[in-house]
C-alpha atoms as a PDB file:
ATOM      1  CA  UNK A   1     218.214 113.203 116.308  1.00  0.00           C
ATOM      2  CA  UNK A   2     214.697 114.574 115.633  1.00  0.00           C
ATOM      3  CA  UNK A   3     212.030 112.105 114.593  1.00  0.00           C
ATOM      4  CA  UNK A   4     211.731 113.728 111.173  1.00  0.00           C
ATOM      5  CA  UNK A   5     215.402 113.130 110.314  1.00  0.00           C
ATOM      6  CA  UNK A   6     216.024 110.636 107.531  1.00  0.00           C
ATOM      7  CA  UNK A   7     219.296 108.878 106.741  1.00  0.00           C
ATOM      8  CA  UNK A   8     220.504 107.922 103.290  1.00  0.00           C
ATOM      9  CA  UNK A   9     223.577 105.747 102.822  1.00  0.00           C
ATOM     10  CA  UNK A  10     225.194 106.400  99.471  1.00  0.00           C
ATOM     11  CA  UNK A  11     226.265 103.420  97.352  1.00  0.00           C
ATOM     12  CA  UNK A  12     229.881 102.717  96.442  1.00  0.00           C
ATOM     13  CA  UNK A  13     229.392 103.876  92.850  1.00  0.00           C
ATOM     14  CA  UNK A  14     227.434 107.061  92.169  1.00  0.00           C
ATOM     15  CA  UNK A  15     227.535 107.342  88.404  1.00  0.00           C
ATOM     16  CA  UNK A  16     224.780 108.262  85.967  1.00  0.00           C
ATOM     17  CA  UNK A  17     223.074 104.910  86.477  1.00  0.00           C
ATOM     18  CA  UNK A  18     222.648 105.530  90.230  1.00  0.00           C
ATOM     19  CA  UNK A  19     221.188 109.020  89.862  1.00  0.00           C
ATOM     20  CA  UNK A  20     217.554 107.938  89.577  1.00  0.00           C
ATOM     21  CA  UNK A  21     217.786 105.997  92.843  1.00  0.00           C
ATOM     22  CA  UNK A  22     219.588 108.913  94.523  1.00  0.00           C
ATOM     23  CA  UNK A  23     216.928 111.371  93.357  1.00  0.00           C
ATOM     24  CA  UNK A  24     214.135 109.056  94.529  1.00  0.00           C
ATOM     25  CA  UNK A  25     215.714 108.697  97.973  1.00  0.00           C
ATOM     26  CA  UNK A  26     216.172 112.463  98.289  1.00  0.00           C
ATOM     27  CA  UNK A  27     212.605 113.116  97.163  1.00  0.00           C
ATOM     28  CA  UNK A  28     211.276 110.695  99.789  1.00  0.00           C
ATOM     29  CA  UNK A  29     213.256 112.491 102.511  1.00  0.00           C
ATOM     30  CA  UNK A  30     212.417 116.061 101.516  1.00  0.00           C
ATOM     31  CA  UNK A  31     210.001 116.789 104.360  1.00  0.00           C
ATOM     32  CA  UNK A  32     212.576 116.579 107.152  1.00  0.00           C
ATOM     33  CA  UNK A  33     216.202 116.942 108.056  1.00  0.00           C
ATOM     34  CA  UNK A  34     218.574 114.619 106.253  1.00  0.00           C
ATOM     35  CA  UNK A  35     221.796 112.831 107.093  1.00  0.00           C
ATOM     36  CA  UNK A  36     223.724 111.457 104.130  1.00  0.00           C
ATOM     37  CA  UNK A  37     226.338 108.810 104.916  1.00  0.00           C
ATOM     38  CA  UNK A  38     229.116 108.909 102.324  1.00  0.00           C
ATOM     39  CA  UNK A  39     231.381 106.253 103.824  1.00  0.00           C
ATOM     40  CA  UNK A  40     230.890 103.735 100.998  1.00  0.00           C
ATOM     41  CA  UNK A  41     231.490 106.030  98.016  1.00  0.00           C
ATOM     42  CA  UNK A  42     234.423 105.034  95.856  1.00  0.00           C
ATOM     43  CA  UNK A  43     233.316 106.739  92.651  1.00  0.00           C
ATOM     44  CA  UNK A  44     231.270 109.903  92.160  1.00  0.00           C
ATOM     45  CA  UNK A  45     230.074 111.115  88.793  1.00  0.00           C
ATOM     46  CA  UNK A  46     229.351 114.713  87.875  1.00  0.00           C
ATOM     47  CA  UNK A  47     225.568 114.379  87.704  1.00  0.00           C
ATOM     48  CA  UNK A  48     225.394 112.724  91.124  1.00  0.00           C
ATOM     49  CA  UNK A  49     227.596 115.502  92.534  1.00  0.00           C
ATOM     50  CA  UNK A  50     225.230 118.094  91.072  1.00  0.00           C
ATOM     51  CA  UNK A  51     222.252 116.318  92.604  1.00  0.00           C
ATOM     52  CA  UNK A  52     223.936 116.334  96.024  1.00  0.00           C
ATOM     53  CA  UNK A  53     224.855 120.024  95.722  1.00  0.00           C
ATOM     54  CA  UNK A  54     221.332 120.934  94.641  1.00  0.00           C
ATOM     55  CA  UNK A  55     219.880 118.926  97.514  1.00  0.00           C
ATOM     56  CA  UNK A  56     221.991 120.839 100.035  1.00  0.00           C
ATOM     57  CA  UNK A  57     220.676 124.133  98.648  1.00  0.00           C
ATOM     58  CA  UNK A  58     217.102 122.839  98.550  1.00  0.00           C
ATOM     59  CA  UNK A  59     217.240 121.688 102.175  1.00  0.00           C
ATOM     60  CA  UNK A  60     218.703 125.036 103.281  1.00  0.00           C
ATOM     61  CA  UNK A  61     216.053 126.990 101.357  1.00  0.00           C
ATOM     62  CA  UNK A  62     213.319 125.023 103.115  1.00  0.00           C
ATOM     63  CA  UNK A  63     214.862 125.630 106.539  1.00  0.00           C
ATOM     64  CA  UNK A  64     215.893 122.011 106.956  1.00  0.00           C
ATOM     65  CA  UNK A  65     219.352 120.589 107.681  1.00  0.00           C
ATOM     66  CA  UNK A  66     221.268 118.374 105.292  1.00  0.00           C
ATOM     67  CA  UNK A  67     224.369 116.865 106.828  1.00  0.00           C
ATOM     68  CA  UNK A  68     226.980 114.803 104.993  1.00  0.00           C
ATOM     69  CA  UNK A  69     228.758 112.452 107.400  1.00  0.00           C
ATOM     70  CA  UNK A  70     231.522 109.861 107.141  1.00  0.00           C
ATOM     71  CA  UNK A  71     232.505 111.038 103.669  1.00  0.00           C
ATOM     72  CA  UNK A  72     235.035 108.713 102.076  1.00  0.00           C
ATOM     73  CA  UNK A  73     238.305 110.138 100.794  1.00  0.00           C
ATOM     74  CA  UNK A  74     237.128 109.408  97.241  1.00  0.00           C
ATOM     75  CA  UNK A  75     233.855 111.262  97.763  1.00  0.00           C
ATOM     76  CA  UNK A  76     235.566 114.264  99.290  1.00  0.00           C
ATOM     77  CA  UNK A  77     238.235 114.373  96.564  1.00  0.00           C
ATOM     78  CA  UNK A  78     235.636 114.145  93.787  1.00  0.00           C
ATOM     79  CA  UNK A  79     233.615 116.976  95.320  1.00  0.00           C
ATOM     80  CA  UNK A  80     236.785 119.052  95.757  1.00  0.00           C
ATOM     81  CA  UNK A  81     237.723 118.447  92.104  1.00  0.00           C
ATOM     82  CA  UNK A  82     234.327 119.815  91.085  1.00  0.00           C
ATOM     83  CA  UNK A  83     234.613 122.783  93.489  1.00  0.00           C
ATOM     84  CA  UNK A  84     231.643 121.425  95.459  1.00  0.00           C
ATOM     85  CA  UNK A  85     233.408 120.750  98.761  1.00  0.00           C
ATOM     86  CA  UNK A  86     232.002 121.376 101.218  1.00  0.00           C
ATOM     87  CA  UNK A  87     228.551 120.969  99.752  1.00  0.00           C
ATOM     88  CA  UNK A  88     226.919 124.382  99.577  1.00  0.00           C
ATOM     89  CA  UNK A  89     224.760 125.095 102.625  1.00  0.00           C
ATOM     90  CA  UNK A  90     225.290 121.726 104.277  1.00  0.00           C
ATOM     91  CA  UNK A  91     225.461 121.596 108.017  1.00  0.00           C
ATOM     92  CA  UNK A  92     228.963 120.657 109.111  1.00  0.00           C
ATOM     93  CA  UNK A  93     229.521 118.168 111.893  1.00  0.00           C
ATOM     94  CA  UNK A  94     232.625 119.033 113.893  1.00  0.00           C
END
């Protein structure tokens, strides 16, 4: 993993109330590659999903990699329900 790769672990509940913290964490990591650990997510709101989708596009546009790893079943299902799975432009780990 390159030195400029940040890791964010998502909380168990990503509703409107968690969006400010999510945005702040993404903003702090914007200068490098990013790994987002989704293993804890049990609930994902629409605004948080939009923030994650926008982040994946932003990272791709800047030539950086955003990788979602360990996505929980709830996170994946919520993103699928919103037609955001897989996140646009995210790097897939096989």
